[in-house]
Amino acid sequence: MNIERLKGTRMDRDKTQSDIAKILNISREVYGRYERGIRPIPVNLLYELSYYYKVSMEYLICVTDVPTPYPLSLIIKS
């Protein structure tokens, strides 16, 4: 999984690894391993980050270059 945007997105928002680790309720060391690609980031944490940054999960893992998340109307069918 390509996770190079995790660090870039964090830095664009002037956050430290410690700041993000607190938001995710994990240690800074564990978050640092996610950013460096040493450990795969769990989907639930990826979802929390995408919600926090207001971008799509696909953007964070470099599947798309469009940061805008999908509208809820496309995700939740009535």
C-alpha atoms as a PDB file:
ATOM      1  CA  MET A   1       0.000   0.000   0.000  1.00  0.00           C
ATOM      2  CA  ASN A   2       1.338   3.409  -0.945  1.00  0.00           C
ATOM      3  CA  ILE A   3       0.995   5.641   2.134  1.00  0.00           C
ATOM      4  CA  GLU A   4       3.268   8.558   1.169  1.00  0.00           C
ATOM      5  CA  ARG A   5       0.382  11.018   1.562  1.00  0.00           C
ATOM      6  CA  LEU A   6      -0.034  10.258   5.265  1.00  0.00           C
ATOM      7  CA  LYS A   7       3.031  12.308   6.111  1.00  0.00           C
ATOM      8  CA  GLY A   8       2.393  15.008   3.517  1.00  0.00           C
ATOM      9  CA  THR A   9      -1.205  15.529   4.594  1.00  0.00           C
ATOM     10  CA  ARG A  10      -0.179  15.680   8.248  1.00  0.00           C
ATOM     11  CA  MET A  11       2.571  18.194   7.541  1.00  0.00           C
ATOM     12  CA  ASP A  12       0.287  20.336   5.334  1.00  0.00           C
ATOM     13  CA  ARG A  13      -1.894  20.801   8.399  1.00  0.00           C
ATOM     14  CA  ASP A  14       1.047  21.610  10.693  1.00  0.00           C
ATOM     15  CA  LYS A  15       0.495  18.530  12.867  1.00  0.00           C
ATOM     16  CA  THR A  16       3.124  16.354  14.478  1.00  0.00           C
ATOM     17  CA  GLN A  17       3.113  12.580  14.625  1.00  0.00           C
ATOM     18  CA  SER A  18       2.304  12.946  18.324  1.00  0.00           C
ATOM     19  CA  ASP A  19      -0.737  15.112  17.522  1.00  0.00           C
ATOM     20  CA  ILE A  20      -2.129  12.511  15.131  1.00  0.00           C
ATOM     21  CA  ALA A  21      -1.279   9.623  17.440  1.00  0.00           C
ATOM     22  CA  LYS A  22      -3.330  11.285  20.202  1.00  0.00           C
ATOM     23  CA  ILE A  23      -6.291  11.684  17.839  1.00  0.00           C
ATOM     24  CA  LEU A  24      -6.052   7.990  16.921  1.00  0.00           C
ATOM     25  CA  ASN A  25      -5.429   6.950  20.543  1.00  0.00           C
ATOM     26  CA  ILE A  26      -2.192   5.141  19.682  1.00  0.00           C
ATOM     27  CA  SER A  27       1.470   5.763  20.475  1.00  0.00           C
ATOM     28  CA  ARG A  28       3.593   8.083  18.356  1.00  0.00           C
ATOM     29  CA  GLU A  29       5.944   5.177  17.620  1.00  0.00           C
ATOM     30  CA  VAL A  30       3.140   3.077  16.157  1.00  0.00           C
ATOM     31  CA  TYR A  31       1.877   5.977  14.043  1.00  0.00           C
ATOM     32  CA  GLY A  32       5.424   6.606  12.813  1.00  0.00           C
ATOM     33  CA  ARG A  33       5.589   2.990  11.621  1.00  0.00           C
ATOM     34  CA  TYR A  34       2.391   3.535   9.626  1.00  0.00           C
ATOM     35  CA  GLU A  35       3.827   6.662   8.000  1.00  0.00           C
ATOM     36  CA  ARG A  36       7.063   4.915   7.085  1.00  0.00           C
ATOM     37  CA  GLY A  37       5.218   1.884   5.704  1.00  0.00           C
ATOM     38  CA  ILE A  38       6.746  -0.493   8.239  1.00  0.00           C
ATOM     39  CA  ARG A  39       3.298  -1.560   9.442  1.00  0.00           C
ATOM     40  CA  PRO A  40       0.080  -1.529   7.426  1.00  0.00           C
ATOM     41  CA  ILE A  41      -2.400   0.993   8.760  1.00  0.00           C
ATOM     42  CA  PRO A  42      -5.665  -0.628   9.867  1.00  0.00           C
ATOM     43  CA  VAL A  43      -8.737   0.383   7.886  1.00  0.00           C
ATOM     44  CA  ASN A  44     -10.478   1.803  10.954  1.00  0.00           C
ATOM     45  CA  LEU A  45      -7.564   4.190  11.597  1.00  0.00           C
ATOM     46  CA  LEU A  46      -7.391   5.103   7.926  1.00  0.00           C
ATOM     47  CA  TYR A  47     -11.096   5.930   8.091  1.00  0.00           C
ATOM     48  CA  GLU A  48     -10.554   8.108  11.195  1.00  0.00           C
ATOM     49  CA  LEU A  49      -7.735   9.981   9.454  1.00  0.00           C
ATOM     50  CA  SER A  50      -9.792  10.567   6.329  1.00  0.00           C
ATOM     51  CA  TYR A  51     -12.632  11.905   8.470  1.00  0.00           C
ATOM     52  CA  TYR A  52     -10.246  14.126  10.457  1.00  0.00           C
ATOM     53  CA  TYR A  53      -8.522  15.503   7.352  1.00  0.00           C
ATOM     54  CA  LYS A  54     -11.802  15.666   5.376  1.00  0.00           C
ATOM     55  CA  VAL A  55     -10.347  13.709   2.463  1.00  0.00           C
ATOM     56  CA  SER A  56     -11.146  10.290   1.017  1.00  0.00           C
ATOM     57  CA  MET A  57      -9.351   7.175   2.197  1.00  0.00           C
ATOM     58  CA  GLU A  58      -8.416   6.570  -1.442  1.00  0.00           C
ATOM     59  CA  TYR A  59      -6.601   9.912  -1.494  1.00  0.00           C
ATOM     60  CA  LEU A  60      -4.586   9.035   1.624  1.00  0.00           C
ATOM     61  CA  ILE A  61      -3.387   5.769   0.081  1.00  0.00           C
ATOM     62  CA  CYS A  62      -2.679   7.353  -3.340  1.00  0.00           C
ATOM     63  CA  VAL A  63      -5.402   5.565  -5.299  1.00  0.00           C
ATOM     64  CA  THR A  64      -6.630   8.952  -6.498  1.00  0.00           C
ATOM     65  CA  ASP A  65      -5.258  12.477  -6.663  1.00  0.00           C
ATOM     66  CA  VAL A  66      -8.667  13.962  -5.839  1.00  0.00           C
ATOM     67  CA  PRO A  67      -8.799  14.674  -2.100  1.00  0.00           C
ATOM     68  CA  THR A  68     -12.554  15.289  -1.912  1.00  0.00           C
ATOM     69  CA  PRO A  69     -14.402  12.486  -0.115  1.00  0.00           C
ATOM     70  CA  TYR A  70     -17.381  10.853  -1.767  1.00  0.00           C
ATOM     71  CA  PRO A  71     -20.750  12.453  -1.012  1.00  0.00           C
ATOM     72  CA  LEU A  72     -22.783  10.467   1.487  1.00  0.00           C
ATOM     73  CA  SER A  73     -25.534  10.083  -1.109  1.00  0.00           C
ATOM     74  CA  LEU A  74     -23.212   7.804  -3.098  1.00  0.00           C
ATOM     75  CA  ILE A  75     -22.204   5.780  -0.049  1.00  0.00           C
ATOM     76  CA  ILE A  76     -25.567   5.333   1.659  1.00  0.00           C
ATOM     77  CA  LYS A  77     -28.388   4.138  -0.539  1.00  0.00           C
ATOM     78  CA  SER A  78     -31.885   5.149   0.542  1.00  0.00           C
END
